[in-house]
C-alpha atoms as a PDB file:
ATOM      1  CA  UNK A   1      -4.824  15.450 -47.728  1.00  0.00           C
ATOM      2  CA  UNK A   2      -4.680  18.687 -45.709  1.00  0.00           C
ATOM      3  CA  UNK A   3      -6.737  19.479 -42.610  1.00  0.00           C
ATOM      4  CA  UNK A   4      -9.117  21.520 -44.777  1.00  0.00           C
ATOM      5  CA  UNK A   5      -9.758  18.532 -47.022  1.00  0.00           C
ATOM      6  CA  UNK A   6     -10.469  15.987 -44.276  1.00  0.00           C
ATOM      7  CA  UNK A   7     -13.962  14.604 -44.110  1.00  0.00           C
ATOM      8  CA  UNK A   8     -16.029  14.644 -40.968  1.00  0.00           C
ATOM      9  CA  UNK A   9     -15.369  10.899 -40.590  1.00  0.00           C
ATOM     10  CA  UNK A  10     -11.601  11.493 -40.727  1.00  0.00           C
ATOM     11  CA  UNK A  11     -11.870  14.226 -38.095  1.00  0.00           C
ATOM     12  CA  UNK A  12     -14.014  11.987 -35.894  1.00  0.00           C
ATOM     13  CA  UNK A  13     -11.437   9.191 -36.166  1.00  0.00           C
ATOM     14  CA  UNK A  14      -8.655  11.612 -35.231  1.00  0.00           C
ATOM     15  CA  UNK A  15     -10.603  12.756 -32.166  1.00  0.00           C
ATOM     16  CA  UNK A  16     -11.288   9.130 -31.204  1.00  0.00           C
ATOM     17  CA  UNK A  17      -7.586   8.274 -31.484  1.00  0.00           C
ATOM     18  CA  UNK A  18      -6.654  11.245 -29.310  1.00  0.00           C
ATOM     19  CA  UNK A  19      -9.305  10.319 -26.751  1.00  0.00           C
ATOM     20  CA  UNK A  20      -7.982   6.753 -26.611  1.00  0.00           C
ATOM     21  CA  UNK A  21      -4.436   8.071 -26.047  1.00  0.00           C
ATOM     22  CA  UNK A  22      -5.655  10.272 -23.182  1.00  0.00           C
ATOM     23  CA  UNK A  23      -7.473   7.304 -21.644  1.00  0.00           C
ATOM     24  CA  UNK A  24      -4.343   5.137 -21.912  1.00  0.00           C
ATOM     25  CA  UNK A  25      -2.253   7.837 -20.216  1.00  0.00           C
ATOM     26  CA  UNK A  26      -4.888   8.218 -17.484  1.00  0.00           C
ATOM     27  CA  UNK A  27      -4.799   4.486 -16.784  1.00  0.00           C
ATOM     28  CA  UNK A  28      -1.004   4.566 -16.527  1.00  0.00           C
ATOM     29  CA  UNK A  29      -1.205   7.527 -14.125  1.00  0.00           C
ATOM     30  CA  UNK A  30      -3.789   5.665 -12.053  1.00  0.00           C
ATOM     31  CA  UNK A  31      -1.536   2.598 -11.843  1.00  0.00           C
ATOM     32  CA  UNK A  32       1.365   4.740 -10.634  1.00  0.00           C
ATOM     33  CA  UNK A  33      -0.893   6.579  -8.160  1.00  0.00           C
ATOM     34  CA  UNK A  34      -2.073   3.217  -6.824  1.00  0.00           C
ATOM     35  CA  UNK A  35       1.532   2.183  -6.197  1.00  0.00           C
ATOM     36  CA  UNK A  36       2.237   5.451  -4.378  1.00  0.00           C
ATOM     37  CA  UNK A  37      -0.899   4.957  -2.295  1.00  0.00           C
ATOM     38  CA  UNK A  38       0.184   1.406  -1.443  1.00  0.00           C
ATOM     39  CA  UNK A  39       3.584   2.716  -0.329  1.00  0.00           C
ATOM     40  CA  UNK A  40       1.874   5.396   1.778  1.00  0.00           C
ATOM     41  CA  UNK A  41      -0.293   2.838   3.544  1.00  0.00           C
ATOM     42  CA  UNK A  42       2.738   0.627   4.147  1.00  0.00           C
ATOM     43  CA  UNK A  43       4.476   3.602   5.790  1.00  0.00           C
ATOM     44  CA  UNK A  44       1.379   4.198   7.918  1.00  0.00           C
ATOM     45  CA  UNK A  45       1.392   0.555   8.995  1.00  0.00           C
ATOM     46  CA  UNK A  46       5.081   0.755   9.878  1.00  0.00           C
ATOM     47  CA  UNK A  47       4.405   3.921  11.875  1.00  0.00           C
ATOM     48  CA  UNK A  48       1.727   2.082  13.850  1.00  0.00           C
ATOM     49  CA  UNK A  49       4.124  -0.781  14.579  1.00  0.00           C
ATOM     50  CA  UNK A  50       6.813   1.737  15.576  1.00  0.00           C
ATOM     51  CA  UNK A  51       4.430   3.537  17.919  1.00  0.00           C
ATOM     52  CA  UNK A  52       3.614   0.219  19.549  1.00  0.00           C
ATOM     53  CA  UNK A  53       7.253  -0.692  20.067  1.00  0.00           C
ATOM     54  CA  UNK A  54       8.070   2.811  21.257  1.00  0.00           C
ATOM     55  CA  UNK A  55       5.161   2.764  23.697  1.00  0.00           C
ATOM     56  CA  UNK A  56       6.353  -0.536  25.134  1.00  0.00           C
ATOM     57  CA  UNK A  57       9.927   0.739  25.433  1.00  0.00           C
ATOM     58  CA  UNK A  58       8.840   3.981  27.089  1.00  0.00           C
ATOM     59  CA  UNK A  59       6.204   2.611  29.441  1.00  0.00           C
ATOM     60  CA  UNK A  60       7.447  -0.969  29.824  1.00  0.00           C
ATOM     61  CA  UNK A  61       8.011  -0.523  33.565  1.00  0.00           C
ATOM     62  CA  UNK A  62       4.339   0.171  34.285  1.00  0.00           C
ATOM     63  CA  UNK A  63       2.576  -2.232  36.603  1.00  0.00           C
ATOM     64  CA  UNK A  64       1.046  -4.616  35.838  1.00  0.00           C
ATOM     65  CA  UNK A  65       3.568  -5.364  33.096  1.00  0.00           C
ATOM     66  CA  UNK A  66       0.976  -6.740  30.701  1.00  0.00           C
ATOM     67  CA  UNK A  67      -0.701  -3.318  30.312  1.00  0.00           C
ATOM     68  CA  UNK A  68       2.008  -1.605  28.197  1.00  0.00           C
ATOM     69  CA  UNK A  69       2.511  -4.834  26.245  1.00  0.00           C
ATOM     70  CA  UNK A  70      -1.216  -5.062  25.519  1.00  0.00           C
ATOM     71  CA  UNK A  71      -1.376  -1.440  24.358  1.00  0.00           C
ATOM     72  CA  UNK A  72       1.724  -1.903  22.197  1.00  0.00           C
ATOM     73  CA  UNK A  73       0.249  -5.113  20.758  1.00  0.00           C
ATOM     74  CA  UNK A  74      -2.908  -3.236  19.759  1.00  0.00           C
ATOM     75  CA  UNK A  75      -0.811  -0.756  17.770  1.00  0.00           C
ATOM     76  CA  UNK A  76       1.068  -3.632  16.119  1.00  0.00           C
ATOM     77  CA  UNK A  77      -2.221  -5.355  15.237  1.00  0.00           C
ATOM     78  CA  UNK A  78      -3.494  -2.110  13.721  1.00  0.00           C
ATOM     79  CA  UNK A  79      -0.300  -2.006  11.629  1.00  0.00           C
ATOM     80  CA  UNK A  80      -0.870  -5.599  10.474  1.00  0.00           C
ATOM     81  CA  UNK A  81      -4.447  -4.721   9.511  1.00  0.00           C
ATOM     82  CA  UNK A  82      -3.196  -1.709   7.548  1.00  0.00           C
ATOM     83  CA  UNK A  83      -0.724  -3.946   5.665  1.00  0.00           C
ATOM     84  CA  UNK A  84      -3.546  -6.355   4.802  1.00  0.00           C
ATOM     85  CA  UNK A  85      -5.918  -3.579   3.702  1.00  0.00           C
ATOM     86  CA  UNK A  86      -3.210  -1.896   1.607  1.00  0.00           C
ATOM     87  CA  UNK A  87      -2.419  -5.040  -0.352  1.00  0.00           C
ATOM     88  CA  UNK A  88      -6.107  -5.885  -0.794  1.00  0.00           C
ATOM     89  CA  UNK A  89      -6.988  -2.466  -2.184  1.00  0.00           C
ATOM     90  CA  UNK A  90      -3.771  -2.170  -4.200  1.00  0.00           C
ATOM     91  CA  UNK A  91      -4.277  -5.558  -5.829  1.00  0.00           C
ATOM     92  CA  UNK A  92      -7.893  -4.776  -6.701  1.00  0.00           C
ATOM     93  CA  UNK A  93      -6.835  -1.642  -8.571  1.00  0.00           C
ATOM     94  CA  UNK A  94      -3.909  -3.366 -10.340  1.00  0.00           C
ATOM     95  CA  UNK A  95      -6.211  -6.125 -11.623  1.00  0.00           C
ATOM     96  CA  UNK A  96      -8.790  -3.630 -12.979  1.00  0.00           C
ATOM     97  CA  UNK A  97      -6.282  -1.427 -14.822  1.00  0.00           C
ATOM     98  CA  UNK A  98      -4.584  -2.089 -18.140  1.00  0.00           C
ATOM     99  CA  UNK A  99      -1.011  -0.862 -18.324  1.00  0.00           C
ATOM    100  CA  UNK A 100       0.026   0.771 -21.584  1.00  0.00           C
ATOM    101  CA  UNK A 101       3.486   2.240 -21.097  1.00  0.00           C
ATOM    102  CA  UNK A 102       3.833   1.937 -17.316  1.00  0.00           C
ATOM    103  CA  UNK A 103       5.303  -1.224 -15.811  1.00  0.00           C
ATOM    104  CA  UNK A 104       3.092  -1.907 -12.802  1.00  0.00           C
ATOM    105  CA  UNK A 105       4.119  -3.911  -9.779  1.00  0.00           C
ATOM    106  CA  UNK A 106       2.526  -7.341  -9.952  1.00  0.00           C
ATOM    107  CA  UNK A 107      -0.252  -7.995  -7.414  1.00  0.00           C
ATOM    108  CA  UNK A 108       1.772 -10.978  -6.188  1.00  0.00           C
ATOM    109  CA  UNK A 109       4.601  -8.627  -5.230  1.00  0.00           C
ATOM    110  CA  UNK A 110       2.199  -6.323  -3.386  1.00  0.00           C
ATOM    111  CA  UNK A 111       0.939  -9.333  -1.428  1.00  0.00           C
ATOM    112  CA  UNK A 112       4.498 -10.508  -0.760  1.00  0.00           C
ATOM    113  CA  UNK A 113       5.638  -7.133   0.602  1.00  0.00           C
ATOM    114  CA  UNK A 114       2.547  -6.738   2.782  1.00  0.00           C
ATOM    115  CA  UNK A 115       2.758 -10.339   3.986  1.00  0.00           C
ATOM    116  CA  UNK A 116       6.406 -10.029   4.973  1.00  0.00           C
ATOM    117  CA  UNK A 117       5.732  -6.768   6.802  1.00  0.00           C
ATOM    118  CA  UNK A 118       2.812  -8.373   8.647  1.00  0.00           C
ATOM    119  CA  UNK A 119       4.879 -11.447   9.535  1.00  0.00           C
ATOM    120  CA  UNK A 120       7.769  -9.336  10.809  1.00  0.00           C
ATOM    121  CA  UNK A 121       5.361  -7.216  12.879  1.00  0.00           C
ATOM    122  CA  UNK A 122       3.734 -10.319  14.319  1.00  0.00           C
ATOM    123  CA  UNK A 123       7.157 -11.697  15.266  1.00  0.00           C
ATOM    124  CA  UNK A 124       7.991  -8.380  16.948  1.00  0.00           C
ATOM    125  CA  UNK A 125       4.837  -8.675  19.030  1.00  0.00           C
ATOM    126  CA  UNK A 126       5.753 -12.230  20.033  1.00  0.00           C
ATOM    127  CA  UNK A 127       9.271 -11.100  20.913  1.00  0.00           C
ATOM    128  CA  UNK A 128       7.909  -8.245  22.983  1.00  0.00           C
ATOM    129  CA  UNK A 129       5.835 -10.668  25.074  1.00  0.00           C
ATOM    130  CA  UNK A 130       8.536 -13.323  25.463  1.00  0.00           C
ATOM    131  CA  UNK A 131      11.737 -11.314  25.999  1.00  0.00           C
ATOM    132  CA  UNK A 132      12.751 -10.815  29.591  1.00  0.00           C
ATOM    133  CA  UNK A 133      14.948  -7.722  29.775  1.00  0.00           C
ATOM    134  CA  UNK A 134      16.974  -7.174  32.954  1.00  0.00           C
ATOM    135  CA  UNK A 135      15.736  -4.359  35.184  1.00  0.00           C
END
């Protein structure tokens, strides 16, 4: 049957199939965008931790000594919060979307990456408070 001989029902079914394909592709793009967003927030969290460590290294000789450590710890805590928020939002999106051709990262892996980054940052903060560097 040629295009000229198709009934209106056939044309409607063709349009529905095309619309479903576009929706599937959009969901796959959204899944990939969510993963890029997660990675961006993880980088932002790492930057916050790095700023904290850098601040402590640069101003560690200030008196009283707890002041630069406290400021650095605040930056590290902000980084930990960013890791938590990134995994929470990333997992919410992954659960709502249906992958078609994309292979999304499992929400468990998002939680694992964010959890390890938070743990490592927390350990850095503890190390910063407990290490006694020579003058």
